[in-house]
N, C-alpha and C. Protein backbone atom coordinates (compact mmCIF):
# COMPACT_ATOMS: atom_id res chain seq x y z
N MET A 1 -107.31 77.68 36.68
CA MET A 1 -106.42 78.53 37.07
C MET A 1 -105.36 78.81 35.97
N THR A 2 -105.08 80.00 35.61
CA THR A 2 -104.03 80.36 34.66
C THR A 2 -102.74 79.97 34.96
N ALA A 3 -101.86 79.38 33.94
CA ALA A 3 -100.35 79.16 34.31
C ALA A 3 -99.95 80.54 34.86
N GLN A 4 -99.08 80.17 35.88
CA GLN A 4 -98.51 81.20 36.66
C GLN A 4 -97.12 81.65 36.41
N ALA A 5 -96.96 83.15 36.62
CA ALA A 5 -95.46 83.59 36.29
C ALA A 5 -94.60 82.91 37.33
N ALA A 6 -93.39 82.52 36.98
CA ALA A 6 -92.38 81.69 37.71
C ALA A 6 -91.65 82.78 38.61
N GLU A 7 -91.21 82.21 39.75
CA GLU A 7 -90.19 83.14 40.67
C GLU A 7 -88.91 82.77 39.89
N ARG A 8 -87.83 83.42 40.22
CA ARG A 8 -86.48 83.22 39.54
C ARG A 8 -85.53 82.85 40.63
N LEU A 9 -84.65 82.09 40.12
CA LEU A 9 -83.68 81.42 41.07
C LEU A 9 -82.27 81.65 40.25
N LEU A 10 -81.32 82.42 40.99
CA LEU A 10 -79.88 82.57 40.62
C LEU A 10 -79.10 81.47 41.34
N HIS A 11 -78.61 80.54 40.35
CA HIS A 11 -77.86 79.40 40.92
C HIS A 11 -76.86 78.95 39.91
N LYS A 12 -75.43 78.99 40.45
CA LYS A 12 -74.31 78.52 39.66
C LYS A 12 -74.18 79.32 38.32
N GLY A 13 -74.36 80.67 38.54
CA GLY A 13 -74.19 81.46 37.34
C GLY A 13 -75.28 81.62 36.45
N GLN A 14 -76.34 81.00 36.59
CA GLN A 14 -77.54 80.97 35.75
C GLN A 14 -78.75 81.50 36.55
N GLN A 15 -79.75 82.17 35.68
CA GLN A 15 -81.06 82.69 36.22
C GLN A 15 -81.93 81.50 35.68
N LEU A 16 -82.53 80.79 36.62
CA LEU A 16 -83.56 79.67 36.48
C LEU A 16 -84.78 79.96 36.69
N SER A 17 -85.93 79.53 36.00
CA SER A 17 -87.46 79.65 36.26
C SER A 17 -87.59 78.69 37.55
N LEU A 18 -88.28 79.25 38.54
CA LEU A 18 -88.50 78.39 39.76
C LEU A 18 -89.91 78.41 40.05
N CYS A 19 -90.48 77.17 39.93
CA CYS A 19 -91.84 76.80 40.09
C CYS A 19 -92.19 76.20 41.46
N THR A 20 -91.65 77.06 42.34
CA THR A 20 -92.00 76.73 43.75
C THR A 20 -92.08 78.17 44.48
N ASN A 21 -93.03 78.23 45.34
CA ASN A 21 -93.17 79.56 46.02
C ASN A 21 -92.59 79.64 47.45
N PRO A 22 -91.29 79.69 47.69
CA PRO A 22 -90.53 79.57 49.04
C PRO A 22 -91.08 80.78 49.86
N LEU A 23 -91.65 81.85 49.46
CA LEU A 23 -92.06 82.81 50.38
C LEU A 23 -93.45 82.40 51.10
N GLU A 24 -94.14 81.63 50.54
CA GLU A 24 -95.62 81.29 51.09
C GLU A 24 -95.57 80.83 52.52
N PRO A 25 -94.60 80.13 53.14
CA PRO A 25 -94.64 79.74 54.38
C PRO A 25 -94.42 80.90 55.30
N TYR A 26 -93.65 81.92 54.83
CA TYR A 26 -93.46 83.07 55.69
C TYR A 26 -94.69 83.97 55.53
N LEU A 27 -95.42 84.04 54.41
CA LEU A 27 -96.67 84.89 54.32
C LEU A 27 -97.57 84.40 55.18
N ASN A 28 -97.71 82.93 55.15
CA ASN A 28 -98.78 82.30 55.93
C ASN A 28 -98.46 82.16 57.35
N SER A 29 -97.45 82.76 57.92
CA SER A 29 -97.16 82.56 59.18
C SER A 29 -97.70 83.67 60.19
N GLY A 30 -98.13 84.71 59.46
CA GLY A 30 -98.87 85.67 60.14
C GLY A 30 -97.80 86.99 60.30
N ALA A 31 -96.50 86.66 59.96
CA ALA A 31 -95.61 87.65 60.28
C ALA A 31 -95.70 88.90 59.11
N ASN A 32 -96.32 88.66 58.17
CA ASN A 32 -96.35 89.42 56.90
C ASN A 32 -97.43 90.60 57.33
N PRO A 33 -96.85 91.81 57.10
CA PRO A 33 -97.70 92.95 57.30
C PRO A 33 -98.53 93.44 56.07
N LEU A 34 -97.98 92.96 54.79
CA LEU A 34 -98.57 93.21 53.53
C LEU A 34 -99.64 92.18 53.09
N ARG A 35 -100.62 92.59 52.25
CA ARG A 35 -101.48 91.79 51.62
C ARG A 35 -101.28 92.04 50.12
N PHE A 36 -100.81 91.01 49.39
CA PHE A 36 -100.65 91.23 48.18
C PHE A 36 -101.68 90.95 47.34
N GLN A 37 -101.81 91.65 46.11
CA GLN A 37 -102.87 91.84 45.41
C GLN A 37 -102.45 91.16 43.95
N ALA A 38 -103.27 90.44 43.35
CA ALA A 38 -103.21 89.89 42.15
C ALA A 38 -103.21 90.97 40.99
N PRO A 39 -102.22 91.35 40.31
CA PRO A 39 -102.29 92.37 39.25
C PRO A 39 -102.88 91.75 37.98
N SER A 40 -102.90 90.45 37.78
CA SER A 40 -103.40 89.67 36.77
C SER A 40 -103.55 88.29 37.04
N THR A 41 -104.36 87.44 36.26
CA THR A 41 -104.66 86.16 36.35
C THR A 41 -103.51 85.13 36.32
N SER A 42 -102.26 85.70 35.81
CA SER A 42 -101.19 85.08 35.76
C SER A 42 -100.16 85.20 36.94
N LEU A 43 -100.73 85.87 37.88
CA LEU A 43 -99.95 86.18 39.11
C LEU A 43 -100.84 86.19 40.36
N TRP A 44 -101.51 85.25 40.61
CA TRP A 44 -102.61 85.28 41.72
C TRP A 44 -101.89 85.41 42.99
N ARG A 45 -100.65 85.17 43.27
CA ARG A 45 -99.93 85.22 44.53
C ARG A 45 -99.59 86.76 44.76
N GLY A 46 -99.58 87.63 43.62
CA GLY A 46 -99.35 88.98 43.85
C GLY A 46 -97.85 89.43 43.78
N TYR A 47 -97.11 88.52 43.51
CA TYR A 47 -95.46 89.12 43.62
C TYR A 47 -94.59 88.11 42.91
N VAL A 48 -93.47 88.49 42.48
CA VAL A 48 -92.55 87.58 41.97
C VAL A 48 -91.25 87.93 42.78
N GLY A 49 -90.62 86.77 43.27
CA GLY A 49 -89.47 86.71 44.08
C GLY A 49 -88.22 86.40 43.26
N THR A 50 -87.08 87.05 43.48
CA THR A 50 -85.77 86.44 42.85
C THR A 50 -85.01 85.98 44.05
N TRP A 51 -84.56 84.72 44.03
CA TRP A 51 -83.91 83.95 44.93
C TRP A 51 -82.60 83.70 44.44
N ALA A 52 -81.65 83.41 45.55
CA ALA A 52 -80.24 83.14 45.16
C ALA A 52 -79.81 81.98 46.22
N ILE A 53 -78.93 81.16 45.68
CA ILE A 53 -78.21 80.09 46.48
C ILE A 53 -76.91 80.70 46.54
N GLU A 54 -76.29 80.90 47.90
CA GLU A 54 -75.07 81.33 48.11
C GLU A 54 -74.57 80.57 49.31
N ASN A 55 -73.45 79.92 49.22
CA ASN A 55 -72.97 79.34 50.27
C ASN A 55 -73.75 78.24 50.85
N GLN A 56 -74.50 77.60 50.04
CA GLN A 56 -75.49 76.51 50.44
C GLN A 56 -76.72 76.97 51.20
N ARG A 57 -76.94 78.27 51.13
CA ARG A 57 -78.21 79.04 51.72
C ARG A 57 -78.97 79.59 50.74
N LEU A 58 -80.33 79.64 51.07
CA LEU A 58 -81.29 80.18 50.11
C LEU A 58 -81.77 81.56 50.68
N TYR A 59 -81.50 82.45 49.63
CA TYR A 59 -81.88 83.95 50.10
C TYR A 59 -82.91 84.46 49.07
N LEU A 60 -83.76 85.37 49.63
CA LEU A 60 -84.68 86.09 48.98
C LEU A 60 -83.93 87.45 48.66
N VAL A 61 -83.54 87.86 47.41
CA VAL A 61 -82.55 88.81 47.05
C VAL A 61 -83.44 89.95 46.30
N SER A 62 -84.58 89.75 45.86
CA SER A 62 -85.46 90.76 45.37
C SER A 62 -86.82 90.51 45.35
N LEU A 63 -87.78 91.41 45.31
CA LEU A 63 -89.15 91.09 45.35
C LEU A 63 -89.92 92.21 44.48
N GLN A 64 -90.75 91.83 43.58
CA GLN A 64 -91.65 92.81 42.86
C GLN A 64 -92.96 92.36 43.15
N GLY A 65 -93.81 93.18 44.20
CA GLY A 65 -94.86 92.89 44.69
C GLY A 65 -95.98 93.84 44.45
N TYR A 66 -97.32 93.49 44.45
CA TYR A 66 -98.30 94.42 44.23
C TYR A 66 -99.34 94.46 45.38
N VAL A 67 -99.60 95.76 45.81
CA VAL A 67 -100.38 95.80 47.09
C VAL A 67 -101.56 96.70 46.59
N GLY A 68 -102.79 96.78 47.41
CA GLY A 68 -103.85 97.61 46.93
C GLY A 68 -105.04 96.91 46.58
N ASN A 69 -105.87 97.32 45.55
CA ASN A 69 -106.94 96.65 45.32
C ASN A 69 -107.11 96.75 43.59
N MET A 70 -108.11 96.01 43.11
CA MET A 70 -108.04 96.07 41.63
C MET A 70 -108.21 97.19 40.98
N ASP A 71 -108.63 98.23 41.44
CA ASP A 71 -108.78 99.75 40.90
C ASP A 71 -107.37 100.28 41.08
N GLU A 72 -106.62 100.10 41.99
CA GLU A 72 -105.45 100.76 42.10
C GLU A 72 -104.28 99.82 42.79
N VAL A 73 -103.33 99.62 41.92
CA VAL A 73 -102.24 98.67 42.52
C VAL A 73 -101.03 99.44 42.59
N LYS A 74 -100.30 99.20 43.82
CA LYS A 74 -99.04 99.85 43.86
C LYS A 74 -97.88 99.03 44.04
N GLU A 75 -96.78 99.04 43.17
CA GLU A 75 -95.66 98.07 43.24
C GLU A 75 -94.83 98.32 44.60
N VAL A 76 -94.39 97.33 45.10
CA VAL A 76 -93.43 97.47 46.30
C VAL A 76 -92.32 96.32 46.04
N GLY A 77 -91.27 96.72 46.73
CA GLY A 77 -90.06 95.78 46.66
C GLY A 77 -89.83 95.07 47.95
N LEU A 78 -88.62 94.53 47.99
CA LEU A 78 -88.18 93.82 49.09
C LEU A 78 -88.34 94.49 50.56
N GLU A 79 -87.83 95.76 50.36
CA GLU A 79 -87.78 96.56 51.64
C GLU A 79 -89.08 96.70 52.38
N ALA A 80 -90.21 96.67 51.47
CA ALA A 80 -91.54 96.64 52.06
C ALA A 80 -92.00 95.63 53.11
N LEU A 81 -91.29 94.28 52.67
CA LEU A 81 -91.68 93.25 53.46
C LEU A 81 -90.50 92.91 54.48
N PHE A 82 -89.37 93.19 54.25
CA PHE A 82 -88.23 93.13 54.96
C PHE A 82 -87.49 94.48 55.11
N PRO A 83 -87.84 95.28 55.84
CA PRO A 83 -87.16 96.76 56.00
C PRO A 83 -85.87 96.57 56.46
N ALA A 84 -85.55 95.52 57.30
CA ALA A 84 -83.98 95.52 57.82
C ALA A 84 -83.21 94.79 56.92
N TYR A 85 -83.79 94.28 55.88
CA TYR A 85 -82.93 93.49 54.93
C TYR A 85 -83.14 93.79 53.47
N PRO A 86 -83.02 95.11 52.93
CA PRO A 86 -83.29 95.55 51.73
C PRO A 86 -82.49 94.90 50.69
N GLN A 87 -81.37 94.16 51.01
CA GLN A 87 -80.35 93.69 50.04
C GLN A 87 -80.60 92.13 49.92
N GLY A 88 -81.30 91.60 50.90
CA GLY A 88 -81.67 90.05 50.74
C GLY A 88 -81.83 89.52 52.09
N VAL A 89 -82.52 88.66 52.17
CA VAL A 89 -82.79 87.96 53.44
C VAL A 89 -82.76 86.50 53.46
N PHE A 90 -82.06 85.81 54.49
CA PHE A 90 -81.92 84.34 54.57
C PHE A 90 -83.45 83.63 54.64
N ALA A 91 -83.58 82.70 53.79
CA ALA A 91 -85.04 81.96 53.88
C ALA A 91 -85.13 80.88 54.95
N HIS A 92 -84.74 81.27 56.20
CA HIS A 92 -84.83 80.28 57.40
C HIS A 92 -86.27 79.47 57.32
N TRP A 93 -87.34 80.26 56.93
CA TRP A 93 -88.61 79.67 56.96
C TRP A 93 -89.02 78.63 56.05
N PHE A 94 -88.07 78.46 55.10
CA PHE A 94 -88.58 77.38 53.85
C PHE A 94 -87.81 76.06 54.12
N SER A 95 -88.74 75.17 54.14
CA SER A 95 -88.25 73.72 53.99
C SER A 95 -89.06 73.18 53.00
N GLY A 96 -88.37 72.48 52.05
CA GLY A 96 -89.09 71.79 51.03
C GLY A 96 -88.23 71.57 49.72
N GLU A 97 -88.84 71.26 48.57
CA GLU A 97 -88.16 71.06 47.42
C GLU A 97 -88.31 72.16 46.36
N LEU A 98 -87.38 72.72 45.77
CA LEU A 98 -87.35 73.88 44.79
C LEU A 98 -87.54 73.01 43.52
N ARG A 99 -88.33 73.45 42.50
CA ARG A 99 -88.39 72.83 41.09
C ARG A 99 -88.08 74.03 40.17
N CYS A 100 -86.99 73.57 39.24
CA CYS A 100 -86.80 74.42 38.23
C CYS A 100 -86.89 73.65 36.99
N PRO A 101 -87.87 73.93 36.15
CA PRO A 101 -87.96 73.28 34.78
C PRO A 101 -87.22 73.87 33.94
N SER A 102 -86.61 73.06 32.85
CA SER A 102 -85.87 73.68 31.73
C SER A 102 -86.18 72.89 30.43
N GLY A 103 -85.51 73.33 29.31
CA GLY A 103 -85.54 72.51 28.07
C GLY A 103 -87.07 72.98 27.57
N ALA A 104 -87.24 72.24 26.55
CA ALA A 104 -88.54 72.66 25.77
C ALA A 104 -89.82 72.13 26.30
N LEU A 105 -90.78 72.81 26.03
CA LEU A 105 -92.15 72.46 26.50
C LEU A 105 -92.70 70.93 26.00
N LEU A 106 -92.96 70.09 26.97
CA LEU A 106 -93.58 68.80 26.56
C LEU A 106 -94.99 68.77 26.67
N HIS A 107 -95.73 69.44 27.66
CA HIS A 107 -97.14 69.51 27.61
C HIS A 107 -97.64 70.61 28.47
N TYR A 108 -98.52 71.49 27.84
CA TYR A 108 -98.95 72.69 28.50
C TYR A 108 -100.10 72.36 29.26
N VAL A 109 -100.17 72.99 30.49
CA VAL A 109 -101.24 72.79 31.27
C VAL A 109 -101.76 74.24 31.63
N HIS A 110 -103.04 74.56 31.46
CA HIS A 110 -103.57 75.90 31.64
C HIS A 110 -103.75 76.14 33.16
N GLY A 111 -102.76 75.92 34.10
CA GLY A 111 -103.02 75.96 35.52
C GLY A 111 -101.70 75.99 36.47
N SER A 112 -101.57 76.70 37.07
CA SER A 112 -100.47 76.90 38.06
C SER A 112 -99.10 76.59 37.49
N TYR A 113 -98.29 75.61 38.01
CA TYR A 113 -97.04 75.23 37.44
C TYR A 113 -97.15 73.94 36.88
N ALA A 114 -98.25 73.48 36.43
CA ALA A 114 -98.46 72.21 36.07
C ALA A 114 -97.89 71.53 34.80
N SER A 115 -97.54 72.61 33.85
CA SER A 115 -96.89 72.14 32.55
C SER A 115 -95.71 71.29 32.74
N SER A 116 -95.14 70.40 31.78
CA SER A 116 -94.01 69.67 31.96
C SER A 116 -93.03 70.12 30.75
N TYR A 117 -91.95 70.06 31.34
CA TYR A 117 -90.75 70.25 30.36
C TYR A 117 -89.64 69.33 30.17
N GLU A 118 -88.89 69.28 29.30
CA GLU A 118 -87.92 68.32 29.12
C GLU A 118 -87.01 67.78 30.38
N ARG A 119 -86.70 68.81 31.31
CA ARG A 119 -86.06 68.49 32.45
C ARG A 119 -86.60 69.24 33.61
N ASP A 120 -86.30 68.70 34.70
CA ASP A 120 -86.58 69.49 35.98
C ASP A 120 -85.38 69.25 36.85
N LEU A 121 -85.00 70.33 37.47
CA LEU A 121 -83.94 70.33 38.51
C LEU A 121 -84.54 70.49 39.76
N PHE A 122 -84.50 69.61 40.82
CA PHE A 122 -84.95 69.60 42.07
C PHE A 122 -83.79 69.84 43.04
N ILE A 123 -84.12 70.82 43.90
CA ILE A 123 -83.15 71.19 45.11
C ILE A 123 -83.65 70.98 46.45
N GLU A 124 -83.23 70.28 47.44
CA GLU A 124 -83.77 70.03 48.56
C GLU A 124 -83.34 71.11 49.53
N VAL A 125 -84.24 71.74 50.43
CA VAL A 125 -83.94 72.76 51.21
C VAL A 125 -84.56 72.53 52.52
N ARG A 126 -83.80 72.69 53.72
CA ARG A 126 -84.24 72.60 55.11
C ARG A 126 -84.06 73.75 55.78
N ARG A 127 -84.95 74.44 56.24
CA ARG A 127 -84.81 75.69 56.97
C ARG A 127 -83.79 76.84 56.45
N GLY A 128 -83.94 76.65 55.09
CA GLY A 128 -83.14 77.59 54.30
C GLY A 128 -81.81 77.01 54.02
N VAL A 129 -81.42 75.99 54.35
CA VAL A 129 -80.08 75.38 54.07
C VAL A 129 -80.25 74.43 52.98
N VAL A 130 -79.55 74.54 51.87
CA VAL A 130 -79.70 73.85 50.53
C VAL A 130 -79.05 72.38 50.79
N GLY A 131 -79.56 71.32 50.48
CA GLY A 131 -79.12 70.15 50.61
C GLY A 131 -78.85 69.50 49.22
N LYS A 132 -79.25 68.39 48.91
CA LYS A 132 -79.06 67.59 47.82
C LYS A 132 -79.90 68.16 46.38
N GLU A 133 -79.34 67.89 45.17
CA GLU A 133 -80.20 68.39 43.97
C GLU A 133 -80.02 67.20 43.05
N HIS A 134 -81.01 67.11 42.31
CA HIS A 134 -80.96 66.09 41.25
C HIS A 134 -81.86 66.64 40.13
N GLU A 135 -81.44 65.97 39.03
CA GLU A 135 -82.22 66.36 37.60
C GLU A 135 -82.94 65.18 37.23
N VAL A 136 -84.20 65.47 36.69
CA VAL A 136 -85.17 64.60 36.24
C VAL A 136 -85.35 64.78 34.59
N VAL A 137 -85.01 63.83 33.89
CA VAL A 137 -85.43 63.89 32.40
C VAL A 137 -86.70 63.56 32.15
N ASN A 138 -87.69 64.32 31.61
CA ASN A 138 -88.89 63.89 31.43
C ASN A 138 -89.31 63.45 30.07
N GLY A 139 -88.33 63.66 29.10
CA GLY A 139 -88.75 63.25 27.74
C GLY A 139 -88.02 64.31 26.75
N GLN A 140 -88.27 64.02 25.49
CA GLN A 140 -87.82 64.89 24.46
C GLN A 140 -88.98 65.54 23.78
N ALA A 141 -89.09 66.97 23.50
CA ALA A 141 -90.18 67.67 23.03
C ALA A 141 -90.05 67.61 21.41
N GLU A 142 -91.15 67.92 20.80
CA GLU A 142 -91.29 68.06 19.52
C GLU A 142 -90.33 69.14 18.83
N PRO A 143 -89.88 68.94 17.72
CA PRO A 143 -88.67 69.86 17.32
C PRO A 143 -88.94 71.48 17.40
N LYS A 144 -90.21 71.80 17.25
CA LYS A 144 -90.37 73.36 17.32
C LYS A 144 -91.12 73.76 18.49
N ALA A 145 -91.02 72.88 19.64
CA ALA A 145 -91.72 73.18 20.87
C ALA A 145 -91.09 74.57 21.52
N PRO A 146 -91.72 75.25 22.15
CA PRO A 146 -91.19 76.65 22.92
C PRO A 146 -90.25 76.02 23.97
N GLU A 147 -89.11 76.82 23.94
CA GLU A 147 -87.95 76.54 24.89
C GLU A 147 -88.13 77.31 26.26
N GLY A 148 -87.98 76.55 27.46
CA GLY A 148 -88.08 77.23 28.63
C GLY A 148 -89.31 77.53 29.22
N TYR A 149 -89.56 77.82 30.30
CA TYR A 149 -90.85 78.16 31.21
C TYR A 149 -91.23 79.48 30.74
N THR A 150 -92.37 79.46 30.28
CA THR A 150 -93.15 80.75 29.70
C THR A 150 -94.57 80.62 30.10
N LEU A 151 -95.16 81.80 30.10
CA LEU A 151 -96.62 81.77 30.17
C LEU A 151 -97.30 81.58 28.82
N ALA A 152 -97.87 80.41 28.50
CA ALA A 152 -98.48 80.23 27.27
C ALA A 152 -99.88 80.99 27.25
N ALA A 153 -100.41 81.42 28.44
CA ALA A 153 -101.67 82.14 28.35
C ALA A 153 -101.30 83.59 28.03
N HIS A 154 -102.24 84.14 27.20
CA HIS A 154 -102.04 85.52 26.92
C HIS A 154 -102.74 86.40 27.91
N THR A 155 -102.00 86.86 29.06
CA THR A 155 -102.64 87.76 29.91
C THR A 155 -101.89 89.10 29.93
N SER A 156 -102.38 90.09 30.36
CA SER A 156 -101.83 91.43 30.45
C SER A 156 -101.90 92.07 31.73
N MET A 157 -100.89 92.70 32.15
CA MET A 157 -100.79 93.75 33.38
C MET A 157 -100.94 95.05 32.85
N GLY A 158 -100.96 95.46 31.52
CA GLY A 158 -100.70 96.74 31.16
C GLY A 158 -102.09 97.75 31.36
N ASN A 159 -103.19 97.17 31.90
CA ASN A 159 -104.34 97.93 32.06
C ASN A 159 -104.53 98.37 33.74
N LEU A 160 -103.38 98.20 34.38
CA LEU A 160 -103.52 98.49 35.88
C LEU A 160 -103.11 99.93 36.10
N LYS A 161 -103.79 100.64 36.99
CA LYS A 161 -103.33 101.99 37.42
C LYS A 161 -102.25 101.83 38.45
N ARG A 162 -101.34 102.48 38.41
CA ARG A 162 -100.06 102.27 39.23
C ARG A 162 -99.88 103.67 39.93
N ASN A 163 -99.33 103.59 41.08
CA ASN A 163 -98.88 104.71 41.84
C ASN A 163 -97.39 104.80 41.75
């Protein structure tokens, strides 16, 4: 599997790469009327969410999703999935750990979110309520290593037909 585009997390005034998919439990619950389509191999889940932690709660505040088929893909936003909450929705369905890698690349893995970086911030969440967070230092990268979470695979979404 190709390395995947990260979700985004707005936390303490920063935009972080989020290598966790907090929307998956909701999508797997059967409550989702949409069927997201992978627009490229770097986005098998078919969407990128922007999340925010506000007042110790996790919110989905923006969504860039793709529906349709490989011949014709239509881009949809948060209002397509949560029509009553176009400005953001409390992620009460998510319990687990958020992982936000940072720093320079230590080891690239051509699959999912498996690459390792100098640091990982872990944030515990239970039914959308944020708990403890801690940072793990994974090592020091080579002097010219790429900084921050990026897709090292050269994939393109430019050849899609869009409505």
